[in-house]
């Protein structure tokens, strides 16, 4: 195992529970120091104490609400200025339930701020810092609803499609810089996100719900294998490769000087 000093510091958002908390545990075991970011100070402190004791690493906690621009800007500045940070896990996010036509738009605006704006600002800061250093890893947590938007809330699905697209574009921009980029597309994962968004997860068939630890371990295995896109429950990677290939088949015809004959 590499020493924490060799690995650098992993900045984990949404680190106090669920997927973020498990990532923090797994990254600590891999030898990363940690900067844990979330809104719940008590949980952050408890996690930090345990991780320091169990793994002998340095753990800093930062209470922040990433739906607030001031808090995002502080974290963004930290990413730009702290050369010890070598991994960004953009995990903080929130789900939503119900029809767009009946939604609380203030709630959806907070979702967009957290799932899209904060993710973008932090990814930008990490890309600038990491590419300058010639190393680093950016992991963005998206969702399989990015591929099946009809199956879930419109705004949440769209926010995760944005994260997928952002990751793919960012990976192309960072080609040759030494920076690794990954989007993780979990299916339904057993975390607190469901009850927070008013969704009864007990109504979801059990064979569709993955434990968070299983999901994170698969995602990290995908990272180790050099995957740009990791879908933890997808049995055959060839299915994703075929999806990407179909997109590339369309590519030459997506922008032409003339409309297709079928429209004339």
Protein backbone atom coordinates (compact mmCIF):
# COMPACT_ATOMS: atom_id res chain seq x y z
CA UNK A 1 0.00 0.00 0.00
CA UNK A 2 1.23 3.47 -0.80
CA UNK A 3 1.78 5.87 2.05
CA UNK A 4 -0.74 8.69 2.56
CA UNK A 5 1.95 11.17 1.62
CA UNK A 6 2.44 9.43 -1.74
CA UNK A 7 -1.28 9.27 -2.46
CA UNK A 8 -2.10 12.84 -1.49
CA UNK A 9 -5.46 14.02 -0.20
CA UNK A 10 -8.89 12.95 -1.44
CA UNK A 11 -11.60 15.60 -1.24
CA UNK A 12 -14.95 13.89 -0.74
CA UNK A 13 -18.24 15.81 -0.92
CA UNK A 14 -21.34 14.40 0.72
CA UNK A 15 -18.95 12.54 3.00
CA UNK A 16 -21.04 12.18 6.15
CA UNK A 17 -23.24 9.28 5.04
CA UNK A 18 -24.06 6.79 2.29
CA UNK A 19 -21.84 6.54 -0.76
CA UNK A 20 -19.55 9.38 0.30
CA UNK A 21 -18.87 7.88 3.73
CA UNK A 22 -17.99 4.51 2.19
CA UNK A 23 -15.73 6.11 -0.40
CA UNK A 24 -13.96 7.91 2.46
CA UNK A 25 -13.39 4.57 4.20
CA UNK A 26 -12.14 2.85 1.05
CA UNK A 27 -9.85 5.75 0.07
CA UNK A 28 -8.42 5.87 3.58
CA UNK A 29 -7.64 2.16 3.28
CA UNK A 30 -5.83 2.94 0.02
CA UNK A 31 -3.61 5.43 1.83
CA UNK A 32 -5.22 8.78 1.04
CA UNK A 33 -5.43 11.59 3.54
CA UNK A 34 -8.95 12.99 3.51
CA UNK A 35 -10.80 16.29 3.31
CA UNK A 36 -14.40 15.42 4.17
CA UNK A 37 -17.12 17.87 3.18
CA UNK A 38 -20.78 17.76 4.24
CA UNK A 39 -23.42 19.71 6.13
CA UNK A 40 -23.50 17.48 9.25
CA UNK A 41 -20.65 18.57 11.53
CA UNK A 42 -21.32 15.89 14.15
CA UNK A 43 -21.19 13.04 11.66
CA UNK A 44 -18.10 14.48 10.00
CA UNK A 45 -16.27 14.70 13.30
CA UNK A 46 -17.20 11.14 14.27
CA UNK A 47 -16.06 9.80 10.89
CA UNK A 48 -12.79 11.73 11.07
CA UNK A 49 -11.95 10.39 14.52
CA UNK A 50 -12.62 6.80 13.47
CA UNK A 51 -10.70 7.06 10.18
CA UNK A 52 -7.67 8.64 11.84
CA UNK A 53 -7.59 5.85 14.42
CA UNK A 54 -8.17 2.95 12.04
CA UNK A 55 -5.96 4.06 9.15
CA UNK A 56 -3.35 6.39 10.64
CA UNK A 57 -4.10 9.11 8.12
CA UNK A 58 -4.75 12.83 8.33
CA UNK A 59 -8.42 13.78 8.12
CA UNK A 60 -9.75 17.31 7.89
CA UNK A 61 -13.46 18.10 8.01
CA UNK A 62 -15.19 21.04 6.41
CA UNK A 63 -18.82 21.83 7.10
CA UNK A 64 -20.34 23.20 3.90
CA UNK A 65 -23.71 23.40 2.21
CA UNK A 66 -23.04 23.13 -1.51
CA UNK A 67 -26.45 24.56 -2.36
CA UNK A 68 -24.96 27.85 -1.11
CA UNK A 69 -22.69 29.61 -3.60
CA UNK A 70 -20.42 31.06 -0.90
CA UNK A 71 -19.65 27.58 0.42
CA UNK A 72 -18.97 26.28 -3.09
CA UNK A 73 -16.60 29.17 -3.81
CA UNK A 74 -14.62 28.47 -0.62
CA UNK A 75 -14.23 24.82 -1.58
CA UNK A 76 -13.37 25.74 -5.16
CA UNK A 77 -10.63 28.06 -3.93
CA UNK A 78 -9.28 25.30 -1.70
CA UNK A 79 -9.06 22.97 -4.70
CA UNK A 80 -7.21 25.59 -6.71
CA UNK A 81 -4.73 26.45 -3.98
CA UNK A 82 -4.03 23.17 -2.13
CA UNK A 83 -1.53 21.14 -4.16
CA UNK A 84 -1.83 18.17 -1.79
CA UNK A 85 -5.33 17.37 -3.12
CA UNK A 86 -4.97 14.66 -5.75
CA UNK A 87 -8.50 13.23 -5.96
CA UNK A 88 -11.91 14.89 -6.14
CA UNK A 89 -15.02 12.83 -5.50
CA UNK A 90 -18.02 14.86 -6.66
CA UNK A 91 -20.58 12.84 -4.71
CA UNK A 92 -22.89 15.31 -2.96
CA UNK A 93 -26.30 15.27 -4.58
CA UNK A 94 -30.02 15.13 -3.96
CA UNK A 95 -32.92 13.38 -5.67
CA UNK A 96 -36.46 14.58 -6.32
CA UNK A 97 -39.86 12.97 -6.73
CA UNK A 98 -43.00 13.88 -8.61
CA UNK A 99 -43.94 15.48 -11.90
CA UNK A 100 -42.15 18.56 -13.19
CA UNK A 101 -45.46 20.34 -13.70
CA UNK A 102 -46.30 19.96 -10.00
CA UNK A 103 -42.83 20.58 -8.57
CA UNK A 104 -41.62 23.03 -5.96
CA UNK A 105 -39.36 25.09 -8.20
CA UNK A 106 -37.29 26.41 -5.31
CA UNK A 107 -36.52 22.81 -4.36
CA UNK A 108 -35.56 22.00 -7.93
CA UNK A 109 -33.35 25.07 -8.11
CA UNK A 110 -31.46 23.80 -5.06
CA UNK A 111 -31.16 20.39 -6.76
CA UNK A 112 -29.66 22.03 -9.85
CA UNK A 113 -27.27 24.07 -7.73
CA UNK A 114 -26.03 20.93 -5.94
CA UNK A 115 -26.15 18.32 -8.72
CA UNK A 116 -24.96 20.54 -11.57
CA UNK A 117 -23.50 23.92 -10.58
CA UNK A 118 -21.41 22.76 -7.62
CA UNK A 119 -20.22 19.68 -9.52
CA UNK A 120 -19.15 21.85 -12.45
CA UNK A 121 -17.32 24.45 -10.40
CA UNK A 122 -15.44 21.85 -8.37
CA UNK A 123 -14.58 19.77 -11.45
CA UNK A 124 -13.26 22.90 -13.16
CA UNK A 125 -11.07 23.80 -10.20
CA UNK A 126 -9.77 20.24 -9.92
CA UNK A 127 -9.07 20.05 -13.66
CA UNK A 128 -7.02 23.24 -13.50
CA UNK A 129 -5.06 22.19 -10.43
CA UNK A 130 -4.53 18.56 -11.41
CA UNK A 131 -3.53 19.23 -15.01
CA UNK A 132 -0.96 21.74 -13.80
CA UNK A 133 0.47 19.04 -11.50
CA UNK A 134 0.30 16.39 -14.23
CA UNK A 135 -1.65 13.98 -12.05
CA UNK A 136 -4.92 13.52 -10.20
CA UNK A 137 -8.32 11.85 -10.38
CA UNK A 138 -11.81 13.32 -10.78
CA UNK A 139 -14.73 11.00 -9.98
CA UNK A 140 -18.25 12.26 -10.67
CA UNK A 141 -21.22 10.32 -9.31
CA UNK A 142 -23.96 10.29 -11.95
CA UNK A 143 -26.76 7.70 -12.22
CA UNK A 144 -28.18 5.14 -14.62
CA UNK A 145 -31.19 7.45 -15.04
CA UNK A 146 -28.89 9.48 -17.30
CA UNK A 147 -29.45 6.63 -19.77
CA UNK A 148 -33.14 6.04 -18.95
CA UNK A 149 -34.62 9.47 -18.15
CA UNK A 150 -38.18 8.31 -18.78
CA UNK A 151 -38.02 6.13 -15.69
CA UNK A 152 -37.54 8.83 -13.06
CA UNK A 153 -38.08 12.46 -12.10
CA UNK A 154 -37.32 14.78 -15.01
CA UNK A 155 -35.02 17.25 -13.26
CA UNK A 156 -33.01 14.65 -11.36
CA UNK A 157 -32.56 12.54 -14.50
CA UNK A 158 -31.50 15.60 -16.49
CA UNK A 159 -29.01 16.60 -13.79
CA UNK A 160 -27.36 13.19 -13.95
CA UNK A 161 -27.31 13.24 -17.76
CA UNK A 162 -25.45 16.54 -17.40
CA UNK A 163 -22.89 14.90 -15.09
CA UNK A 164 -22.35 12.08 -17.59
CA UNK A 165 -21.89 14.50 -20.49
CA UNK A 166 -19.64 16.77 -18.44
CA UNK A 167 -17.41 13.84 -17.57
CA UNK A 168 -17.12 12.65 -21.15
CA UNK A 169 -16.26 16.12 -22.43
CA UNK A 170 -13.85 16.78 -19.57
CA UNK A 171 -12.05 13.52 -20.24
CA UNK A 172 -11.45 14.62 -23.84
CA UNK A 173 -10.23 18.05 -22.69
CA UNK A 174 -7.78 16.47 -20.23
CA UNK A 175 -6.35 13.92 -22.66
CA UNK A 176 -2.58 13.79 -22.26
CA UNK A 177 -2.46 15.75 -18.99
CA UNK A 178 -2.07 12.74 -16.69
CA UNK A 179 -5.46 13.38 -15.05
CA UNK A 180 -7.88 10.44 -14.77
CA UNK A 181 -11.62 11.04 -15.06
CA UNK A 182 -14.48 8.69 -14.23
CA UNK A 183 -18.26 8.90 -14.11
CA UNK A 184 -20.01 6.32 -11.95
CA UNK A 185 -23.59 5.44 -12.89
CA UNK A 186 -25.16 3.55 -9.98
CA UNK A 187 -28.61 2.07 -10.13
CA UNK A 188 -30.79 2.21 -7.02
CA UNK A 189 -28.39 2.21 -4.07
CA UNK A 190 -29.39 1.82 -0.42
CA UNK A 191 -28.69 5.28 1.03
CA UNK A 192 -30.56 8.08 2.79
CA UNK A 193 -31.09 9.99 -0.46
CA UNK A 194 -34.46 8.32 -1.02
CA UNK A 195 -36.13 9.25 2.24
CA UNK A 196 -34.70 12.77 2.01
CA UNK A 197 -36.43 13.20 -1.34
CA UNK A 198 -39.72 11.68 -0.14
CA UNK A 199 -39.36 8.39 -2.06
CA UNK A 200 -40.29 5.11 -0.37
CA UNK A 201 -37.40 2.85 -1.34
CA UNK A 202 -39.12 -0.17 0.23
CA UNK A 203 -41.47 -0.16 -2.77
CA UNK A 204 -38.55 -0.81 -5.13
CA UNK A 205 -37.97 -4.54 -5.90
CA UNK A 206 -35.16 -5.87 -3.69
CA UNK A 207 -33.23 -7.27 -6.65
CA UNK A 208 -32.86 -3.73 -8.01
CA UNK A 209 -31.32 -2.25 -4.84
CA UNK A 210 -27.55 -2.48 -4.34
CA UNK A 211 -25.81 -2.01 -1.01
CA UNK A 212 -23.65 1.10 -0.99
CA UNK A 213 -20.48 -0.81 -0.13
CA UNK A 214 -20.96 -3.15 -3.08
CA UNK A 215 -21.49 -0.16 -5.37
CA UNK A 216 -18.39 1.71 -4.21
CA UNK A 217 -16.16 -1.35 -4.43
CA UNK A 218 -17.32 -1.94 -8.01
CA UNK A 219 -16.78 1.72 -8.88
CA UNK A 220 -13.23 1.66 -7.53
CA UNK A 221 -12.54 -1.55 -9.42
CA UNK A 222 -13.73 0.23 -12.56
CA UNK A 223 -11.39 3.11 -11.78
CA UNK A 224 -8.49 0.69 -11.35
CA UNK A 225 -9.35 -0.84 -14.73
CA UNK A 226 -9.20 2.58 -16.38
CA UNK A 227 -12.91 2.89 -17.16
CA UNK A 228 -14.23 6.31 -18.08
CA UNK A 229 -17.82 5.20 -17.42
CA UNK A 230 -18.57 2.62 -14.74
CA UNK A 231 -22.04 1.06 -14.42
CA UNK A 232 -21.67 -1.19 -11.37
CA UNK A 233 -24.56 -3.57 -12.10
CA UNK A 234 -24.02 -3.95 -15.87
CA UNK A 235 -22.88 -7.56 -16.49
CA UNK A 236 -21.47 -7.09 -19.99
CA UNK A 237 -19.27 -4.07 -20.68
CA UNK A 238 -19.88 -4.74 -24.35
CA UNK A 239 -23.42 -3.38 -23.96
CA UNK A 240 -22.05 0.03 -23.00
CA UNK A 241 -19.43 -0.16 -25.75
CA UNK A 242 -22.20 -0.88 -28.29
CA UNK A 243 -24.15 2.13 -26.98
CA UNK A 244 -21.10 4.35 -27.48
CA UNK A 245 -20.45 2.84 -30.91
CA UNK A 246 -24.03 3.60 -32.00
CA UNK A 247 -23.48 7.23 -31.01
CA UNK A 248 -20.34 7.39 -33.14
CA UNK A 249 -22.20 5.89 -36.12
CA UNK A 250 -24.60 8.84 -35.99
CA UNK A 251 -21.84 11.40 -35.49
CA UNK A 252 -21.00 12.15 -39.17
CA UNK A 253 -24.65 12.98 -39.89
CA UNK A 254 -25.49 15.11 -36.87
CA UNK A 255 -24.49 18.40 -38.47
CA UNK A 256 -24.98 18.88 -42.21
CA UNK A 257 -25.65 21.82 -44.52
CA UNK A 258 -28.92 20.24 -45.74
CA UNK A 259 -31.86 18.75 -43.88
CA UNK A 260 -32.36 15.01 -44.24
CA UNK A 261 -34.47 13.92 -47.18
CA UNK A 262 -37.15 12.54 -44.84
CA UNK A 263 -37.99 16.12 -43.80
CA UNK A 264 -38.61 17.31 -47.37
